[in-house]
Amino acid sequence: MNHHPLNRRHLLQMAAAGGTAALWPQAQAQSVWPSRAITLIAPNAPGGPADTLARVVTTSLSQQLGTSVVVDNKPGAAGKIGIQAMLRAPRDGHVVAVTSVTAMSALPVFDPQVGYRSPEDFEPLVLAVRTPAVWCVHPSLGVKNLAQLVALAKSKPGVLNYASFGTNSSSHLAQEDFFRRVDIRLTHVPYKGESEGMTALLSNQVQVMMISGAAKPHVEAGKLTALATTSADTWEVFPKLVTASRSGVLQLAHYSYEPWLGFSAAAGTPAETVTRLQNALRDALRTPEAQATLGKLGYRVVAGSAQDMRNAIEQDMTLYRVLLRSGRVSVS
């Protein structure tokens, strides 16, 4: 009877299909992303620029990716602690970080113990924002513009203190680059983040600091005196305040400073995951809520590409190598 061979073939086909089906859930589980909550590391204290940017995008990211997004603050060492934590995590896209000009461009030049290479060890995702700053002083200093500050500092070299986000952070380097241009010397006092530095300025522990848009309420309350912005043109946060380039200080005629923040994963993150993260982050930055919140704080939303970030990294590293050669700052 010839129905047995047919049954046998049928059974073999079923067995093969069953074997494939048994393997399918395992293969599917390996390819599904995200499979758990996403950790977004902010390498500074709560309230700082990276923390602010991280929290602005979490709701939209969570909705787009279908999982919770948790901000994990890891301050200290000018952002190095947080970045190293991301690079130690599994490179599957479940741990990403806010990355700054400090972490990506400054530390690789100035810190031999940074523990990573830039940009080789990263998968840049999105160049998110640029953040002009404002030069502020404690009101007790009695200066009203940059020219007066420069004159006072020249008359008292090293006497005035200024705050930064940490040694060899972008804040430290940008301020020293500024002082180099106008040939003055102030004493550097590093803090773990902008909020701590601003607290020190408000209490007159330091007298000078370049600050983000977070300075606005303190300026409006008369607790800080704003001298000039670092933006190339009028900054919406301080529309009536002169830019440094128009302050009357000749050495600053072509000066501007607008540091950037972005998002990065670790090198080796799967390409499909990288693409989904990039699309989700750009969409999150373009929401009306994000635009409004970031705009009020003085952030200029860029939502640029990974290549935009790579270009920014290389340009800033070139500038920092020049600053290193000047002798104003040293390798830590």
C-alpha atoms as a PDB file:
ATOM      1  CA  MET A   1       0.000   0.000   0.000  1.00  0.00           C
ATOM      2  CA  ASN A   2       1.450   3.274  -1.088  1.00  0.00           C
ATOM      3  CA  HIS A   3      -0.073   5.632   1.516  1.00  0.00           C
ATOM      4  CA  HIS A   4       2.712   4.880   4.038  1.00  0.00           C
ATOM      5  CA  PRO A   5       5.518   6.679   2.169  1.00  0.00           C
ATOM      6  CA  LEU A   6       3.272   9.738   1.857  1.00  0.00           C
ATOM      7  CA  ASN A   7       2.553   9.647   5.558  1.00  0.00           C
ATOM      8  CA  ARG A   8       6.232   9.286   6.294  1.00  0.00           C
ATOM      9  CA  ARG A   9       7.102  12.292   4.122  1.00  0.00           C
ATOM     10  CA  HIS A  10       4.304  14.220   5.749  1.00  0.00           C
ATOM     11  CA  LEU A  11       5.642  13.338   9.188  1.00  0.00           C
ATOM     12  CA  LEU A  12       9.179  14.379   8.205  1.00  0.00           C
ATOM     13  CA  GLN A  13       7.888  17.719   6.900  1.00  0.00           C
ATOM     14  CA  MET A  14       5.957  18.276  10.081  1.00  0.00           C
ATOM     15  CA  ALA A  15       9.024  17.433  12.166  1.00  0.00           C
ATOM     16  CA  ALA A  16      11.155  19.850  10.170  1.00  0.00           C
ATOM     17  CA  ALA A  17       8.537  22.548  10.474  1.00  0.00           C
ATOM     18  CA  GLY A  18       8.229  21.871  14.168  1.00  0.00           C
ATOM     19  CA  GLY A  19      11.978  22.197  14.599  1.00  0.00           C
ATOM     20  CA  THR A  20      11.963  25.524  12.785  1.00  0.00           C
ATOM     21  CA  ALA A  21       9.046  26.714  14.870  1.00  0.00           C
ATOM     22  CA  ALA A  22      10.864  25.718  18.020  1.00  0.00           C
ATOM     23  CA  LEU A  23      13.839  27.821  16.994  1.00  0.00           C
ATOM     24  CA  TRP A  24      11.753  30.826  15.900  1.00  0.00           C
ATOM     25  CA  PRO A  25      10.927  32.245  19.350  1.00  0.00           C
ATOM     26  CA  GLN A  26      14.633  32.153  20.254  1.00  0.00           C
ATOM     27  CA  ALA A  27      15.690  33.916  17.032  1.00  0.00           C
ATOM     28  CA  GLN A  28      12.879  36.418  17.430  1.00  0.00           C
ATOM     29  CA  ALA A  29      13.871  37.142  21.023  1.00  0.00           C
ATOM     30  CA  GLN A  30      17.442  37.829  19.931  1.00  0.00           C
ATOM     31  CA  SER A  31      16.371  40.330  17.271  1.00  0.00           C
ATOM     32  CA  VAL A  32      13.673  42.243  19.168  1.00  0.00           C
ATOM     33  CA  TRP A  33      14.787  45.662  20.390  1.00  0.00           C
ATOM     34  CA  PRO A  34      14.118  47.134  22.831  1.00  0.00           C
ATOM     35  CA  SER A  35      13.567  44.132  25.057  1.00  0.00           C
ATOM     36  CA  ARG A  36      13.762  46.079  28.326  1.00  0.00           C
ATOM     37  CA  ALA A  37      13.926  49.646  29.637  1.00  0.00           C
ATOM     38  CA  ILE A  38      16.402  52.026  28.003  1.00  0.00           C
ATOM     39  CA  THR A  39      18.836  53.843  30.280  1.00  0.00           C
ATOM     40  CA  LEU A  40      19.755  57.342  29.178  1.00  0.00           C
ATOM     41  CA  ILE A  41      22.868  58.431  31.052  1.00  0.00           C
ATOM     42  CA  ALA A  42      23.228  62.126  31.836  1.00  0.00           C
ATOM     43  CA  PRO A  43      26.889  62.601  32.806  1.00  0.00           C
ATOM     44  CA  ASN A  44      26.209  65.519  35.130  1.00  0.00           C
ATOM     45  CA  ALA A  45      24.147  66.437  38.172  1.00  0.00           C
ATOM     46  CA  PRO A  46      20.362  66.977  38.054  1.00  0.00           C
ATOM     47  CA  GLY A  47      19.574  70.379  36.638  1.00  0.00           C
ATOM     48  CA  GLY A  48      22.660  70.529  34.438  1.00  0.00           C
ATOM     49  CA  PRO A  49      22.558  70.857  30.635  1.00  0.00           C
ATOM     50  CA  ALA A  50      22.870  67.126  29.866  1.00  0.00           C
ATOM     51  CA  ASP A  51      20.236  66.246  32.471  1.00  0.00           C
ATOM     52  CA  THR A  52      17.858  68.858  31.073  1.00  0.00           C
ATOM     53  CA  LEU A  53      18.244  67.581  27.527  1.00  0.00           C
ATOM     54  CA  ALA A  54      17.802  63.960  28.611  1.00  0.00           C
ATOM     55  CA  ARG A  55      14.554  64.624  30.468  1.00  0.00           C
ATOM     56  CA  VAL A  56      13.069  66.618  27.603  1.00  0.00           C
ATOM     57  CA  VAL A  57      13.172  63.638  25.220  1.00  0.00           C
ATOM     58  CA  THR A  58      12.236  60.754  27.536  1.00  0.00           C
ATOM     59  CA  THR A  59       8.451  60.868  27.116  1.00  0.00           C
ATOM     60  CA  SER A  60       8.559  60.940  23.321  1.00  0.00           C
ATOM     61  CA  LEU A  61      11.267  58.261  23.192  1.00  0.00           C
ATOM     62  CA  SER A  62       9.249  55.992  25.458  1.00  0.00           C
ATOM     63  CA  GLN A  63       6.158  56.384  23.295  1.00  0.00           C
ATOM     64  CA  GLN A  64       8.011  55.772  20.041  1.00  0.00           C
ATOM     65  CA  LEU A  65      10.047  52.792  21.221  1.00  0.00           C
ATOM     66  CA  GLY A  66       7.384  51.165  23.385  1.00  0.00           C
ATOM     67  CA  THR A  67       9.429  50.905  26.553  1.00  0.00           C
ATOM     68  CA  SER A  68      10.315  53.046  29.533  1.00  0.00           C
ATOM     69  CA  VAL A  69      13.289  55.414  29.284  1.00  0.00           C
ATOM     70  CA  VAL A  70      15.087  56.086  32.556  1.00  0.00           C
ATOM     71  CA  VAL A  71      17.482  59.009  33.079  1.00  0.00           C
ATOM     72  CA  ASP A  72      20.521  57.970  35.105  1.00  0.00           C
ATOM     73  CA  ASN A  73      22.606  60.852  36.456  1.00  0.00           C
ATOM     74  CA  LYS A  74      26.298  60.033  36.769  1.00  0.00           C
ATOM     75  CA  PRO A  75      28.119  63.296  37.541  1.00  0.00           C
ATOM     76  CA  GLY A  76      31.792  63.848  38.107  1.00  0.00           C
ATOM     77  CA  ALA A  77      35.154  64.001  36.315  1.00  0.00           C
ATOM     78  CA  ALA A  78      33.785  66.408  33.669  1.00  0.00           C
ATOM     79  CA  GLY A  79      31.429  63.700  32.396  1.00  0.00           C
ATOM     80  CA  LYS A  80      33.998  60.906  32.176  1.00  0.00           C
ATOM     81  CA  ILE A  81      32.286  58.763  34.823  1.00  0.00           C
ATOM     82  CA  GLY A  82      28.999  58.666  32.948  1.00  0.00           C
ATOM     83  CA  ILE A  83      30.562  58.035  29.562  1.00  0.00           C
ATOM     84  CA  GLN A  84      32.719  55.205  30.855  1.00  0.00           C
ATOM     85  CA  ALA A  85      29.614  53.629  32.401  1.00  0.00           C
ATOM     86  CA  MET A  86      27.904  53.607  29.003  1.00  0.00           C
ATOM     87  CA  LEU A  87      30.928  52.055  27.332  1.00  0.00           C
ATOM     88  CA  ARG A  88      31.056  49.273  29.952  1.00  0.00           C
ATOM     89  CA  ALA A  89      27.413  48.316  29.366  1.00  0.00           C
ATOM     90  CA  PRO A  90      26.343  45.689  26.816  1.00  0.00           C
ATOM     91  CA  ARG A  91      26.455  47.267  23.371  1.00  0.00           C
ATOM     92  CA  ASP A  92      22.892  46.455  22.435  1.00  0.00           C
ATOM     93  CA  GLY A  93      21.321  49.917  22.434  1.00  0.00           C
ATOM     94  CA  HIS A  94      19.700  49.678  25.862  1.00  0.00           C
ATOM     95  CA  VAL A  95      22.217  52.108  27.385  1.00  0.00           C
ATOM     96  CA  VAL A  96      22.913  55.391  25.614  1.00  0.00           C
ATOM     97  CA  ALA A  97      24.207  58.731  26.848  1.00  0.00           C
ATOM     98  CA  VAL A  98      23.991  62.439  26.396  1.00  0.00           C
ATOM     99  CA  THR A  99      27.411  63.319  25.040  1.00  0.00           C
ATOM    100  CA  SER A 100      28.976  66.749  25.036  1.00  0.00           C
ATOM    101  CA  VAL A 101      31.864  68.646  23.559  1.00  0.00           C
ATOM    102  CA  THR A 102      33.609  67.992  26.879  1.00  0.00           C
ATOM    103  CA  ALA A 103      33.319  64.220  26.747  1.00  0.00           C
ATOM    104  CA  MET A 104      33.884  63.795  23.033  1.00  0.00           C
ATOM    105  CA  SER A 105      36.468  66.467  22.232  1.00  0.00           C
ATOM    106  CA  ALA A 106      38.066  67.919  25.359  1.00  0.00           C
ATOM    107  CA  LEU A 107      38.784  64.917  27.556  1.00  0.00           C
ATOM    108  CA  PRO A 108      40.444  62.860  24.783  1.00  0.00           C
ATOM    109  CA  VAL A 109      42.925  65.737  24.312  1.00  0.00           C
ATOM    110  CA  PHE A 110      43.547  66.697  27.947  1.00  0.00           C
ATOM    111  CA  ASP A 111      43.019  63.545  30.005  1.00  0.00           C
ATOM    112  CA  PRO A 112      45.443  60.650  29.380  1.00  0.00           C
ATOM    113  CA  GLN A 113      43.327  58.494  31.709  1.00  0.00           C
ATOM    114  CA  VAL A 114      40.063  59.166  29.897  1.00  0.00           C
ATOM    115  CA  GLY A 115      39.791  55.473  29.043  1.00  0.00           C
ATOM    116  CA  TYR A 116      38.324  55.809  25.553  1.00  0.00           C
ATOM    117  CA  ARG A 117      39.029  57.116  22.061  1.00  0.00           C
ATOM    118  CA  SER A 118      36.839  59.635  20.308  1.00  0.00           C
ATOM    119  CA  PRO A 119      35.049  59.203  18.035  1.00  0.00           C
ATOM    120  CA  GLU A 120      36.253  55.626  17.414  1.00  0.00           C
ATOM    121  CA  ASP A 121      34.673  54.123  20.550  1.00  0.00           C
ATOM    122  CA  PHE A 122      31.293  55.735  19.916  1.00  0.00           C
ATOM    123  CA  GLU A 123      28.345  55.495  17.611  1.00  0.00           C
ATOM    124  CA  PRO A 124      27.255  59.149  17.355  1.00  0.00           C
ATOM    125  CA  LEU A 125      23.485  59.319  17.024  1.00  0.00           C
ATOM    126  CA  VAL A 126      22.270  62.910  16.840  1.00  0.00           C
ATOM    127  CA  LEU A 127      23.823  66.351  17.281  1.00  0.00           C
ATOM    128  CA  ALA A 128      20.959  67.630  19.401  1.00  0.00           C
ATOM    129  CA  VAL A 129      21.432  71.250  20.423  1.00  0.00           C
ATOM    130  CA  ARG A 130      23.839  74.122  20.586  1.00  0.00           C
ATOM    131  CA  THR A 131      23.850  76.192  23.745  1.00  0.00           C
ATOM    132  CA  PRO A 132      25.163  79.753  23.776  1.00  0.00           C
ATOM    133  CA  ALA A 133      26.158  81.094  27.166  1.00  0.00           C
ATOM    134  CA  VAL A 134      26.255  84.353  29.062  1.00  0.00           C
ATOM    135  CA  TRP A 135      29.119  85.902  30.992  1.00  0.00           C
ATOM    136  CA  CYS A 136      27.911  86.599  34.533  1.00  0.00           C
ATOM    137  CA  VAL A 137      29.512  88.150  37.577  1.00  0.00           C
ATOM    138  CA  HIS A 138      28.477  88.558  41.183  1.00  0.00           C
ATOM    139  CA  PRO A 139      26.898  92.028  41.643  1.00  0.00           C
ATOM    140  CA  SER A 140      29.392  92.879  44.385  1.00  0.00           C
ATOM    141  CA  LEU A 141      32.110  92.993  41.736  1.00  0.00           C
ATOM    142  CA  GLY A 142      30.644  96.250  40.442  1.00  0.00           C
ATOM    143  CA  VAL A 143      31.334  95.669  36.739  1.00  0.00           C
ATOM    144  CA  LYS A 144      28.650  96.165  34.097  1.00  0.00           C
ATOM    145  CA  ASN A 145      30.304  95.001  30.862  1.00  0.00           C
ATOM    146  CA  LEU A 146      33.131  92.866  29.516  1.00  0.00           C
ATOM    147  CA  ALA A 147      35.493  95.787  29.044  1.00  0.00           C
ATOM    148  CA  GLN A 148      35.217  96.595  32.751  1.00  0.00           C
ATOM    149  CA  LEU A 149      35.761  92.964  33.701  1.00  0.00           C
ATOM    150  CA  VAL A 150      38.871  92.749  31.519  1.00  0.00           C
ATOM    151  CA  ALA A 151      40.248  95.963  33.042  1.00  0.00           C
ATOM    152  CA  LEU A 152      39.605  94.751  36.591  1.00  0.00           C
ATOM    153  CA  ALA A 153      41.178  91.365  35.947  1.00  0.00           C
ATOM    154  CA  LYS A 154      44.258  92.968  34.378  1.00  0.00           C
ATOM    155  CA  SER A 155      44.687  95.122  37.485  1.00  0.00           C
ATOM    156  CA  LYS A 156      44.356  92.099  39.796  1.00  0.00           C
ATOM    157  CA  PRO A 157      45.828  89.056  37.996  1.00  0.00           C
ATOM    158  CA  GLY A 158      44.789  85.790  39.620  1.00  0.00           C
ATOM    159  CA  VAL A 159      42.694  87.473  42.325  1.00  0.00           C
ATOM    160  CA  LEU A 160      39.257  86.880  40.787  1.00  0.00           C
ATOM    161  CA  ASN A 161      37.874  83.320  40.903  1.00  0.00           C
ATOM    162  CA  TYR A 162      35.798  81.694  38.190  1.00  0.00           C
ATOM    163  CA  ALA A 163      33.719  78.509  38.272  1.00  0.00           C
ATOM    164  CA  SER A 164      33.575  75.698  35.726  1.00  0.00           C
ATOM    165  CA  PHE A 165      31.894  72.302  35.321  1.00  0.00           C
ATOM    166  CA  GLY A 166      35.189  70.583  36.120  1.00  0.00           C
ATOM    167  CA  THR A 167      38.867  70.576  35.215  1.00  0.00           C
ATOM    168  CA  ASN A 168      39.301  70.335  31.441  1.00  0.00           C
ATOM    169  CA  SER A 169      35.561  70.405  30.902  1.00  0.00           C
ATOM    170  CA  SER A 170      34.288  72.460  27.969  1.00  0.00           C
ATOM    171  CA  SER A 171      33.316  75.125  30.496  1.00  0.00           C
ATOM    172  CA  HIS A 172      36.867  75.308  31.874  1.00  0.00           C
ATOM    173  CA  LEU A 173      38.484  75.291  28.438  1.00  0.00           C
ATOM    174  CA  ALA A 174      36.097  77.823  26.908  1.00  0.00           C
ATOM    175  CA  GLN A 175      36.679  80.274  29.722  1.00  0.00           C
ATOM    176  CA  GLU A 176      40.449  79.872  29.572  1.00  0.00           C
ATOM    177  CA  ASP A 177      40.328  80.327  25.799  1.00  0.00           C
ATOM    178  CA  PHE A 178      38.381  83.546  26.359  1.00  0.00           C
ATOM    179  CA  PHE A 179      40.871  84.768  28.977  1.00  0.00           C
ATOM    180  CA  ARG A 180      43.716  83.898  26.598  1.00  0.00           C
ATOM    181  CA  ARG A 181      42.178  86.065  23.891  1.00  0.00           C
ATOM    182  CA  VAL A 182      41.904  89.125  26.155  1.00  0.00           C
ATOM    183  CA  ASP A 183      45.157  88.375  28.046  1.00  0.00           C
ATOM    184  CA  ILE A 184      43.826  88.112  31.610  1.00  0.00           C
ATOM    185  CA  ARG A 185      44.273  85.508  34.331  1.00  0.00           C
ATOM    186  CA  LEU A 186      41.669  84.337  36.827  1.00  0.00           C
ATOM    187  CA  THR A 187      41.833  81.495  39.341  1.00  0.00           C
ATOM    188  CA  HIS A 188      39.944  78.372  38.318  1.00  0.00           C
ATOM    189  CA  VAL A 189      37.574  76.686  40.796  1.00  0.00           C
ATOM    190  CA  PRO A 190      36.082  73.457  39.365  1.00  0.00           C
ATOM    191  CA  TYR A 191      32.698  72.009  40.358  1.00  0.00           C
ATOM    192  CA  LYS A 192      30.812  68.836  39.431  1.00  0.00           C
ATOM    193  CA  GLY A 193      28.313  70.647  37.236  1.00  0.00           C
ATOM    194  CA  GLU A 194      26.857  73.965  36.180  1.00  0.00           C
ATOM    195  CA  SER A 195      24.280  74.079  38.963  1.00  0.00           C
ATOM    196  CA  GLU A 196      26.978  73.731  41.637  1.00  0.00           C
ATOM    197  CA  GLY A 197      29.136  76.350  39.967  1.00  0.00           C
ATOM    198  CA  MET A 198      26.225  78.753  39.702  1.00  0.00           C
ATOM    199  CA  THR A 199      25.425  78.241  43.387  1.00  0.00           C
ATOM    200  CA  ALA A 200      29.013  79.203  44.188  1.00  0.00           C
ATOM    201  CA  LEU A 201      28.674  82.323  42.039  1.00  0.00           C
ATOM    202  CA  LEU A 202      25.408  83.305  43.710  1.00  0.00           C
ATOM    203  CA  SER A 203      27.084  83.030  47.117  1.00  0.00           C
ATOM    204  CA  ASN A 204      30.173  84.968  45.920  1.00  0.00           C
ATOM    205  CA  GLN A 205      32.527  82.041  46.486  1.00  0.00           C
ATOM    206  CA  VAL A 206      33.531  82.751  42.897  1.00  0.00           C
ATOM    207  CA  GLN A 207      33.021  86.036  41.086  1.00  0.00           C
ATOM    208  CA  VAL A 208      32.838  85.086  37.405  1.00  0.00           C
ATOM    209  CA  MET A 209      31.273  82.325  35.329  1.00  0.00           C
ATOM    210  CA  MET A 210      30.137  81.609  31.791  1.00  0.00           C
ATOM    211  CA  ILE A 211      26.633  80.117  32.253  1.00  0.00           C
ATOM    212  CA  SER A 212      23.876  78.642  30.093  1.00  0.00           C
ATOM    213  CA  GLY A 213      20.356  80.054  29.861  1.00  0.00           C
ATOM    214  CA  ALA A 214      19.795  78.766  33.392  1.00  0.00           C
ATOM    215  CA  ALA A 215      21.246  82.080  34.540  1.00  0.00           C
ATOM    216  CA  LYS A 216      18.229  84.047  33.318  1.00  0.00           C
ATOM    217  CA  PRO A 217      16.024  84.002  36.451  1.00  0.00           C
ATOM    218  CA  HIS A 218      18.976  84.973  38.634  1.00  0.00           C
ATOM    219  CA  VAL A 219      19.870  87.830  36.301  1.00  0.00           C
ATOM    220  CA  GLU A 220      16.272  89.033  36.256  1.00  0.00           C
ATOM    221  CA  ALA A 221      16.166  88.882  40.067  1.00  0.00           C
ATOM    222  CA  GLY A 222      19.324  90.978  40.300  1.00  0.00           C
ATOM    223  CA  LYS A 223      21.296  88.192  41.965  1.00  0.00           C
ATOM    224  CA  LEU A 224      23.737  88.040  39.041  1.00  0.00           C
ATOM    225  CA  THR A 225      24.957  90.657  36.600  1.00  0.00           C
ATOM    226  CA  ALA A 226      24.987  89.621  32.938  1.00  0.00           C
ATOM    227  CA  LEU A 227      27.759  91.210  30.867  1.00  0.00           C
ATOM    228  CA  ALA A 228      27.488  89.728  27.356  1.00  0.00           C
ATOM    229  CA  THR A 229      26.456  86.593  25.506  1.00  0.00           C
ATOM    230  CA  THR A 230      28.804  84.217  23.711  1.00  0.00           C
ATOM    231  CA  SER A 231      26.472  83.759  20.739  1.00  0.00           C
ATOM    232  CA  ALA A 232      27.376  84.801  17.222  1.00  0.00           C
ATOM    233  CA  ASP A 233      24.249  86.938  17.033  1.00  0.00           C
ATOM    234  CA  THR A 234      21.504  88.140  19.373  1.00  0.00           C
ATOM    235  CA  TRP A 235      20.416  85.349  21.710  1.00  0.00           C
ATOM    236  CA  GLU A 236      16.696  84.983  22.273  1.00  0.00           C
ATOM    237  CA  VAL A 237      17.197  84.342  25.998  1.00  0.00           C
ATOM    238  CA  PHE A 238      18.821  87.752  26.483  1.00  0.00           C
ATOM    239  CA  PRO A 239      17.525  89.759  23.508  1.00  0.00           C
ATOM    240  CA  LYS A 240      18.704  93.102  24.895  1.00  0.00           C
ATOM    241  CA  LEU A 241      22.162  91.932  25.913  1.00  0.00           C
ATOM    242  CA  VAL A 242      25.166  92.654  23.706  1.00  0.00           C
ATOM    243  CA  THR A 243      27.207  89.789  22.276  1.00  0.00           C
ATOM    244  CA  ALA A 244      30.856  89.491  23.283  1.00  0.00           C
ATOM    245  CA  SER A 245      31.846  90.267  19.691  1.00  0.00           C
ATOM    246  CA  ARG A 246      30.054  93.625  19.951  1.00  0.00           C
ATOM    247  CA  SER A 247      31.218  94.457  23.459  1.00  0.00           C
ATOM    248  CA  GLY A 248      33.884  96.899  22.361  1.00  0.00           C
ATOM    249  CA  VAL A 249      36.774  94.621  23.322  1.00  0.00           C
ATOM    250  CA  LEU A 250      38.903  94.538  20.175  1.00  0.00           C
ATOM    251  CA  GLN A 251      40.248  91.002  20.681  1.00  0.00           C
ATOM    252  CA  LEU A 252      36.676  89.665  20.642  1.00  0.00           C
ATOM    253  CA  ALA A 253      35.603  91.164  17.317  1.00  0.00           C
ATOM    254  CA  HIS A 254      35.186  87.722  15.708  1.00  0.00           C
ATOM    255  CA  TYR A 255      34.502  85.714  18.855  1.00  0.00           C
ATOM    256  CA  SER A 256      31.593  83.345  19.447  1.00  0.00           C
ATOM    257  CA  TYR A 257      31.081  80.191  21.462  1.00  0.00           C
ATOM    258  CA  GLU A 258      28.100  77.847  21.141  1.00  0.00           C
ATOM    259  CA  PRO A 259      28.928  74.422  22.604  1.00  0.00           C
ATOM    260  CA  TRP A 260      26.902  71.387  21.623  1.00  0.00           C
ATOM    261  CA  LEU A 261      25.199  68.409  23.181  1.00  0.00           C
ATOM    262  CA  GLY A 262      24.195  65.210  21.438  1.00  0.00           C
ATOM    263  CA  PHE A 263      23.331  61.587  21.983  1.00  0.00           C
ATOM    264  CA  SER A 264      25.634  58.622  21.441  1.00  0.00           C
ATOM    265  CA  ALA A 265      25.697  54.867  21.799  1.00  0.00           C
ATOM    266  CA  ALA A 266      28.785  52.710  22.080  1.00  0.00           C
ATOM    267  CA  ALA A 267      30.566  51.530  18.954  1.00  0.00           C
ATOM    268  CA  GLY A 268      29.354  48.093  17.962  1.00  0.00           C
ATOM    269  CA  THR A 269      25.679  48.799  18.608  1.00  0.00           C
ATOM    270  CA  PRO A 270      23.650  46.982  15.905  1.00  0.00           C
ATOM    271  CA  ALA A 271      23.014  49.159  12.845  1.00  0.00           C
ATOM    272  CA  GLU A 272      19.233  48.675  12.887  1.00  0.00           C
ATOM    273  CA  THR A 273      19.101  49.727  16.513  1.00  0.00           C
ATOM    274  CA  VAL A 274      21.228  52.791  15.769  1.00  0.00           C
ATOM    275  CA  THR A 275      18.869  53.841  12.988  1.00  0.00           C
ATOM    276  CA  ARG A 276      15.799  53.474  15.216  1.00  0.00           C
ATOM    277  CA  LEU A 277      17.464  55.478  17.974  1.00  0.00           C
ATOM    278  CA  GLN A 278      18.468  58.228  15.553  1.00  0.00           C
ATOM    279  CA  ASN A 279      14.968  58.547  14.117  1.00  0.00           C
ATOM    280  CA  ALA A 280      13.327  58.480  17.538  1.00  0.00           C
ATOM    281  CA  LEU A 281      15.698  61.072  18.979  1.00  0.00           C
ATOM    282  CA  ARG A 282      15.269  63.466  16.065  1.00  0.00           C
ATOM    283  CA  ASP A 283      11.487  63.144  16.301  1.00  0.00           C
ATOM    284  CA  ALA A 284      11.630  63.713  20.064  1.00  0.00           C
ATOM    285  CA  LEU A 285      13.673  66.881  19.613  1.00  0.00           C
ATOM    286  CA  ARG A 286      11.231  68.213  17.038  1.00  0.00           C
ATOM    287  CA  THR A 287       8.098  67.888  19.168  1.00  0.00           C
ATOM    288  CA  PRO A 288       6.467  71.221  20.051  1.00  0.00           C
ATOM    289  CA  GLU A 289       6.958  70.428  23.750  1.00  0.00           C
ATOM    290  CA  ALA A 290      10.687  69.841  23.372  1.00  0.00           C
ATOM    291  CA  GLN A 291      11.136  72.888  21.150  1.00  0.00           C
ATOM    292  CA  ALA A 292       9.317  75.106  23.647  1.00  0.00           C
ATOM    293  CA  THR A 293      11.113  73.774  26.726  1.00  0.00           C
ATOM    294  CA  LEU A 294      14.561  73.869  25.185  1.00  0.00           C
ATOM    295  CA  GLY A 295      13.947  77.273  23.621  1.00  0.00           C
ATOM    296  CA  LYS A 296      13.042  78.794  26.978  1.00  0.00           C
ATOM    297  CA  LEU A 297      16.325  77.520  28.378  1.00  0.00           C
ATOM    298  CA  GLY A 298      18.323  78.969  25.512  1.00  0.00           C
ATOM    299  CA  TYR A 299      19.061  75.742  23.668  1.00  0.00           C
ATOM    300  CA  ARG A 300      19.083  76.014  19.888  1.00  0.00           C
ATOM    301  CA  VAL A 301      17.696  72.743  18.545  1.00  0.00           C
ATOM    302  CA  VAL A 302      19.798  71.317  15.716  1.00  0.00           C
ATOM    303  CA  ALA A 303      18.621  67.683  15.486  1.00  0.00           C
ATOM    304  CA  GLY A 304      21.583  67.076  13.208  1.00  0.00           C
ATOM    305  CA  SER A 305      23.026  63.866  11.848  1.00  0.00           C
ATOM    306  CA  ALA A 306      25.713  61.573  13.175  1.00  0.00           C
ATOM    307  CA  GLN A 307      28.078  63.095  10.615  1.00  0.00           C
ATOM    308  CA  ASP A 308      27.288  66.562  11.964  1.00  0.00           C
ATOM    309  CA  MET A 309      28.459  65.365  15.371  1.00  0.00           C
ATOM    310  CA  ARG A 310      31.591  63.767  13.941  1.00  0.00           C
ATOM    311  CA  ASN A 311      32.455  67.057  12.225  1.00  0.00           C
ATOM    312  CA  ALA A 312      31.896  68.999  15.455  1.00  0.00           C
ATOM    313  CA  ILE A 313      34.089  66.563  17.405  1.00  0.00           C
ATOM    314  CA  GLU A 314      36.980  66.936  14.979  1.00  0.00           C
ATOM    315  CA  GLN A 315      36.716  70.738  14.791  1.00  0.00           C
ATOM    316  CA  ASP A 316      36.684  71.116  18.564  1.00  0.00           C
ATOM    317  CA  MET A 317      39.569  68.704  19.086  1.00  0.00           C
ATOM    318  CA  THR A 318      41.631  70.830  16.713  1.00  0.00           C
ATOM    319  CA  LEU A 319      40.822  73.965  18.744  1.00  0.00           C
ATOM    320  CA  TYR A 320      41.662  72.227  22.023  1.00  0.00           C
ATOM    321  CA  ARG A 321      45.047  71.128  20.737  1.00  0.00           C
ATOM    322  CA  VAL A 322      45.785  74.801  19.991  1.00  0.00           C
ATOM    323  CA  LEU A 323      44.734  75.750  23.524  1.00  0.00           C
ATOM    324  CA  LEU A 324      46.933  73.015  24.974  1.00  0.00           C
ATOM    325  CA  ARG A 325      49.936  74.352  23.106  1.00  0.00           C
ATOM    326  CA  SER A 326      49.250  77.831  24.509  1.00  0.00           C
ATOM    327  CA  GLY A 327      50.150  76.654  28.020  1.00  0.00           C
ATOM    328  CA  ARG A 328      46.955  78.057  29.548  1.00  0.00           C
ATOM    329  CA  VAL A 329      45.778  74.600  30.467  1.00  0.00           C
ATOM    330  CA  SER A 330      47.634  71.356  30.928  1.00  0.00           C
ATOM    331  CA  VAL A 331      47.091  67.657  30.569  1.00  0.00           C
ATOM    332  CA  SER A 332      45.421  66.410  33.744  1.00  0.00           C
END
